[in-house]
């Protein structure tokens, strides 16, 4: 399950490997704690991870004297995750293909469920830079793309 090939770009392989690790950790939490408590633990961990990433990116922004984040392009100046391997459009901002989802979908309903818990990290990241994200579509919810509606 969850195909990873050595011929894929390094960023894609690493994203897929981390998606697999996340899946197995999340699955274990749900199996040991039950869906409700396991989901709470997963959400708390994703939130902590998101806040840690925001702090790190803000630290880099300060080092580089980037003080204004008025557009998504400004955010991408310090975004810590590479976009290599993702298929995105910018107008409107959508993701058509995500290596993380490519792994999670292979684990069926549970894979998509725990993947959707992880995808909430986008709200934390964008809010950490003053943007309000709303999302009507997400690959992990069975949609054909993820949208990134920023206010």
C-alpha atoms as a PDB file:
ATOM      1  CA  UNK A   1       0.000   0.000   0.000  1.00  0.00           C
ATOM      2  CA  UNK A   2       1.131   3.545  -0.630  1.00  0.00           C
ATOM      3  CA  UNK A   3       3.578   3.259  -3.480  1.00  0.00           C
ATOM      4  CA  UNK A   4       6.951   4.962  -3.117  1.00  0.00           C
ATOM      5  CA  UNK A   5       9.618   4.540  -5.770  1.00  0.00           C
ATOM      6  CA  UNK A   6      13.302   5.452  -5.650  1.00  0.00           C
ATOM      7  CA  UNK A   7      12.902   7.111  -9.053  1.00  0.00           C
ATOM      8  CA  UNK A   8      10.579   9.790  -7.611  1.00  0.00           C
ATOM      9  CA  UNK A   9      12.045  13.206  -6.730  1.00  0.00           C
ATOM     10  CA  UNK A  10      13.510  13.327  -3.220  1.00  0.00           C
ATOM     11  CA  UNK A  11      10.936  15.824  -1.934  1.00  0.00           C
ATOM     12  CA  UNK A  12       8.086  13.584  -3.118  1.00  0.00           C
ATOM     13  CA  UNK A  13       9.624  10.451  -1.583  1.00  0.00           C
ATOM     14  CA  UNK A  14      10.187  12.233   1.713  1.00  0.00           C
ATOM     15  CA  UNK A  15       6.622  13.597   1.740  1.00  0.00           C
ATOM     16  CA  UNK A  16       5.246  10.132   1.040  1.00  0.00           C
ATOM     17  CA  UNK A  17       7.440   8.507   3.697  1.00  0.00           C
ATOM     18  CA  UNK A  18       6.310  11.041   6.278  1.00  0.00           C
ATOM     19  CA  UNK A  19       2.679  10.521   5.199  1.00  0.00           C
ATOM     20  CA  UNK A  20       3.114   6.792   5.834  1.00  0.00           C
ATOM     21  CA  UNK A  21       4.696   7.386   9.231  1.00  0.00           C
ATOM     22  CA  UNK A  22       1.884   9.781  10.142  1.00  0.00           C
ATOM     23  CA  UNK A  23      -0.736   7.250   8.987  1.00  0.00           C
ATOM     24  CA  UNK A  24       0.680   4.437  11.110  1.00  0.00           C
ATOM     25  CA  UNK A  25       1.066   6.669  14.158  1.00  0.00           C
ATOM     26  CA  UNK A  26      -2.472   8.052  13.779  1.00  0.00           C
ATOM     27  CA  UNK A  27      -3.876   4.547  13.199  1.00  0.00           C
ATOM     28  CA  UNK A  28      -2.171   3.308  16.354  1.00  0.00           C
ATOM     29  CA  UNK A  29      -3.587   6.214  18.371  1.00  0.00           C
ATOM     30  CA  UNK A  30      -7.109   5.499  17.162  1.00  0.00           C
ATOM     31  CA  UNK A  31      -6.775   1.754  17.762  1.00  0.00           C
ATOM     32  CA  UNK A  32      -5.424   2.201  21.298  1.00  0.00           C
ATOM     33  CA  UNK A  33      -7.509   5.168  22.387  1.00  0.00           C
ATOM     34  CA  UNK A  34     -10.671   4.797  20.331  1.00  0.00           C
ATOM     35  CA  UNK A  35     -11.751   7.067  17.509  1.00  0.00           C
ATOM     36  CA  UNK A  36     -12.881  10.004  19.633  1.00  0.00           C
ATOM     37  CA  UNK A  37      -9.911  10.219  22.012  1.00  0.00           C
ATOM     38  CA  UNK A  38      -7.421   9.154  19.334  1.00  0.00           C
ATOM     39  CA  UNK A  39      -8.724  11.883  17.024  1.00  0.00           C
ATOM     40  CA  UNK A  40      -8.368  14.449  19.810  1.00  0.00           C
ATOM     41  CA  UNK A  41      -4.763  13.367  20.369  1.00  0.00           C
ATOM     42  CA  UNK A  42      -4.017  13.527  16.634  1.00  0.00           C
ATOM     43  CA  UNK A  43      -5.567  17.002  16.353  1.00  0.00           C
ATOM     44  CA  UNK A  44      -3.561  18.216  19.358  1.00  0.00           C
ATOM     45  CA  UNK A  45      -0.332  16.857  17.867  1.00  0.00           C
ATOM     46  CA  UNK A  46      -1.055  18.403  14.442  1.00  0.00           C
ATOM     47  CA  UNK A  47      -1.867  21.734  16.119  1.00  0.00           C
ATOM     48  CA  UNK A  48       1.377  21.675  18.108  1.00  0.00           C
ATOM     49  CA  UNK A  49       3.321  20.752  14.970  1.00  0.00           C
ATOM     50  CA  UNK A  50       1.646  23.559  13.010  1.00  0.00           C
ATOM     51  CA  UNK A  51       2.422  26.143  15.688  1.00  0.00           C
ATOM     52  CA  UNK A  52       6.030  24.955  15.811  1.00  0.00           C
ATOM     53  CA  UNK A  53       6.291  25.343  12.033  1.00  0.00           C
ATOM     54  CA  UNK A  54       4.815  28.851  12.186  1.00  0.00           C
ATOM     55  CA  UNK A  55       7.319  29.856  14.869  1.00  0.00           C
ATOM     56  CA  UNK A  56      10.204  28.526  12.781  1.00  0.00           C
ATOM     57  CA  UNK A  57       9.022  30.262   9.610  1.00  0.00           C
ATOM     58  CA  UNK A  58       8.464  33.533  11.495  1.00  0.00           C
ATOM     59  CA  UNK A  59      11.981  33.237  12.911  1.00  0.00           C
ATOM     60  CA  UNK A  60      13.345  32.877   9.381  1.00  0.00           C
ATOM     61  CA  UNK A  61      11.232  35.833   8.247  1.00  0.00           C
ATOM     62  CA  UNK A  62      12.754  37.962  11.004  1.00  0.00           C
ATOM     63  CA  UNK A  63      16.264  36.850  10.060  1.00  0.00           C
ATOM     64  CA  UNK A  64      15.559  37.810   6.448  1.00  0.00           C
ATOM     65  CA  UNK A  65      13.852  41.061   7.514  1.00  0.00           C
ATOM     66  CA  UNK A  66      10.533  40.037   5.970  1.00  0.00           C
ATOM     67  CA  UNK A  67       7.931  41.854   8.018  1.00  0.00           C
ATOM     68  CA  UNK A  68       4.862  41.974   5.831  1.00  0.00           C
ATOM     69  CA  UNK A  69       2.673  39.084   4.756  1.00  0.00           C
ATOM     70  CA  UNK A  70      -0.025  40.624   2.619  1.00  0.00           C
ATOM     71  CA  UNK A  71      -0.138  37.968  -0.085  1.00  0.00           C
ATOM     72  CA  UNK A  72       0.305  34.248  -0.492  1.00  0.00           C
ATOM     73  CA  UNK A  73       3.533  34.990  -2.354  1.00  0.00           C
ATOM     74  CA  UNK A  74       4.894  36.646   0.813  1.00  0.00           C
ATOM     75  CA  UNK A  75       4.029  33.503   2.794  1.00  0.00           C
ATOM     76  CA  UNK A  76       5.786  31.291   0.233  1.00  0.00           C
ATOM     77  CA  UNK A  77       9.023  33.240   0.788  1.00  0.00           C
ATOM     78  CA  UNK A  78       9.449  31.418   4.112  1.00  0.00           C
ATOM     79  CA  UNK A  79       7.247  28.353   3.651  1.00  0.00           C
ATOM     80  CA  UNK A  80       9.183  25.401   5.034  1.00  0.00           C
ATOM     81  CA  UNK A  81       7.645  22.631   2.956  1.00  0.00           C
ATOM     82  CA  UNK A  82       8.751  22.285  -0.654  1.00  0.00           C
ATOM     83  CA  UNK A  83       6.116  22.368  -3.376  1.00  0.00           C
ATOM     84  CA  UNK A  84       8.002  19.902  -5.561  1.00  0.00           C
ATOM     85  CA  UNK A  85       5.669  17.107  -6.584  1.00  0.00           C
ATOM     86  CA  UNK A  86       2.450  18.880  -5.705  1.00  0.00           C
ATOM     87  CA  UNK A  87       0.314  20.031  -8.623  1.00  0.00           C
ATOM     88  CA  UNK A  88      -1.053  23.457  -7.765  1.00  0.00           C
ATOM     89  CA  UNK A  89      -2.749  26.354  -9.477  1.00  0.00           C
ATOM     90  CA  UNK A  90      -2.500  29.882  -8.141  1.00  0.00           C
ATOM     91  CA  UNK A  91      -5.598  31.522  -9.592  1.00  0.00           C
ATOM     92  CA  UNK A  92      -7.603  30.306  -7.796  1.00  0.00           C
ATOM     93  CA  UNK A  93      -5.254  28.603  -5.326  1.00  0.00           C
ATOM     94  CA  UNK A  94      -5.907  24.866  -5.525  1.00  0.00           C
ATOM     95  CA  UNK A  95      -4.006  21.630  -5.162  1.00  0.00           C
ATOM     96  CA  UNK A  96      -4.829  19.040  -7.793  1.00  0.00           C
ATOM     97  CA  UNK A  97      -2.323  16.408  -6.616  1.00  0.00           C
ATOM     98  CA  UNK A  98      -0.723  15.916  -3.202  1.00  0.00           C
ATOM     99  CA  UNK A  99       1.867  13.211  -2.453  1.00  0.00           C
ATOM    100  CA  UNK A 100       0.529  12.948   1.106  1.00  0.00           C
ATOM    101  CA  UNK A 101      -2.967  12.167  -0.148  1.00  0.00           C
ATOM    102  CA  UNK A 102      -1.473   9.785  -2.702  1.00  0.00           C
ATOM    103  CA  UNK A 103      -0.395   7.651   0.266  1.00  0.00           C
ATOM    104  CA  UNK A 104      -3.419   8.147   2.521  1.00  0.00           C
ATOM    105  CA  UNK A 105      -5.986   7.255  -0.161  1.00  0.00           C
ATOM    106  CA  UNK A 106      -4.396   3.812  -0.476  1.00  0.00           C
ATOM    107  CA  UNK A 107      -5.351   3.125   3.151  1.00  0.00           C
ATOM    108  CA  UNK A 108      -9.038   3.640   2.404  1.00  0.00           C
ATOM    109  CA  UNK A 109     -11.503   5.318   4.700  1.00  0.00           C
ATOM    110  CA  UNK A 110      -9.156   5.418   7.691  1.00  0.00           C
ATOM    111  CA  UNK A 111      -6.330   6.822   5.565  1.00  0.00           C
ATOM    112  CA  UNK A 112      -8.512   9.607   4.250  1.00  0.00           C
ATOM    113  CA  UNK A 113      -9.933  10.279   7.705  1.00  0.00           C
ATOM    114  CA  UNK A 114      -6.575  10.670   9.456  1.00  0.00           C
ATOM    115  CA  UNK A 115      -5.295  12.555   6.406  1.00  0.00           C
ATOM    116  CA  UNK A 116      -8.148  15.032   6.779  1.00  0.00           C
ATOM    117  CA  UNK A 117      -7.078  15.615  10.391  1.00  0.00           C
ATOM    118  CA  UNK A 118      -3.591  16.443   9.158  1.00  0.00           C
ATOM    119  CA  UNK A 119      -4.869  18.742   6.414  1.00  0.00           C
ATOM    120  CA  UNK A 120      -6.229  21.055   9.103  1.00  0.00           C
ATOM    121  CA  UNK A 121      -2.623  22.144   9.567  1.00  0.00           C
ATOM    122  CA  UNK A 122      -3.154  24.479   6.599  1.00  0.00           C
ATOM    123  CA  UNK A 123      -5.531  26.585   8.714  1.00  0.00           C
ATOM    124  CA  UNK A 124      -2.908  26.908  11.461  1.00  0.00           C
ATOM    125  CA  UNK A 125      -0.134  27.806   9.027  1.00  0.00           C
ATOM    126  CA  UNK A 126      -2.053  30.458   7.134  1.00  0.00           C
ATOM    127  CA  UNK A 127      -3.615  31.926  10.288  1.00  0.00           C
ATOM    128  CA  UNK A 128      -0.109  32.153  11.751  1.00  0.00           C
ATOM    129  CA  UNK A 129       0.640  34.677   9.018  1.00  0.00           C
ATOM    130  CA  UNK A 130      -2.583  36.654   9.333  1.00  0.00           C
ATOM    131  CA  UNK A 131      -4.653  34.936   6.632  1.00  0.00           C
ATOM    132  CA  UNK A 132      -8.075  33.399   7.153  1.00  0.00           C
ATOM    133  CA  UNK A 133      -8.363  30.158   5.217  1.00  0.00           C
ATOM    134  CA  UNK A 134     -11.623  28.577   4.226  1.00  0.00           C
ATOM    135  CA  UNK A 135     -11.821  25.309   2.366  1.00  0.00           C
ATOM    136  CA  UNK A 136     -14.830  23.866   0.624  1.00  0.00           C
ATOM    137  CA  UNK A 137     -12.947  21.057  -1.153  1.00  0.00           C
ATOM    138  CA  UNK A 138     -10.255  18.677   0.049  1.00  0.00           C
ATOM    139  CA  UNK A 139      -8.767  15.574  -1.536  1.00  0.00           C
ATOM    140  CA  UNK A 140      -8.991  13.667   1.745  1.00  0.00           C
ATOM    141  CA  UNK A 141     -12.759  14.286   1.826  1.00  0.00           C
ATOM    142  CA  UNK A 142     -13.177  12.750  -1.637  1.00  0.00           C
ATOM    143  CA  UNK A 143     -13.084  15.973  -3.637  1.00  0.00           C
ATOM    144  CA  UNK A 144     -11.099  16.284  -6.878  1.00  0.00           C
ATOM    145  CA  UNK A 145      -8.880  19.045  -5.439  1.00  0.00           C
ATOM    146  CA  UNK A 146      -8.120  21.076  -2.328  1.00  0.00           C
ATOM    147  CA  UNK A 147      -8.987  24.731  -2.440  1.00  0.00           C
ATOM    148  CA  UNK A 148      -7.278  27.496  -0.528  1.00  0.00           C
ATOM    149  CA  UNK A 149      -9.660  30.434  -0.190  1.00  0.00           C
ATOM    150  CA  UNK A 150      -7.758  33.155   1.660  1.00  0.00           C
ATOM    151  CA  UNK A 151      -9.206  36.306   3.173  1.00  0.00           C
END
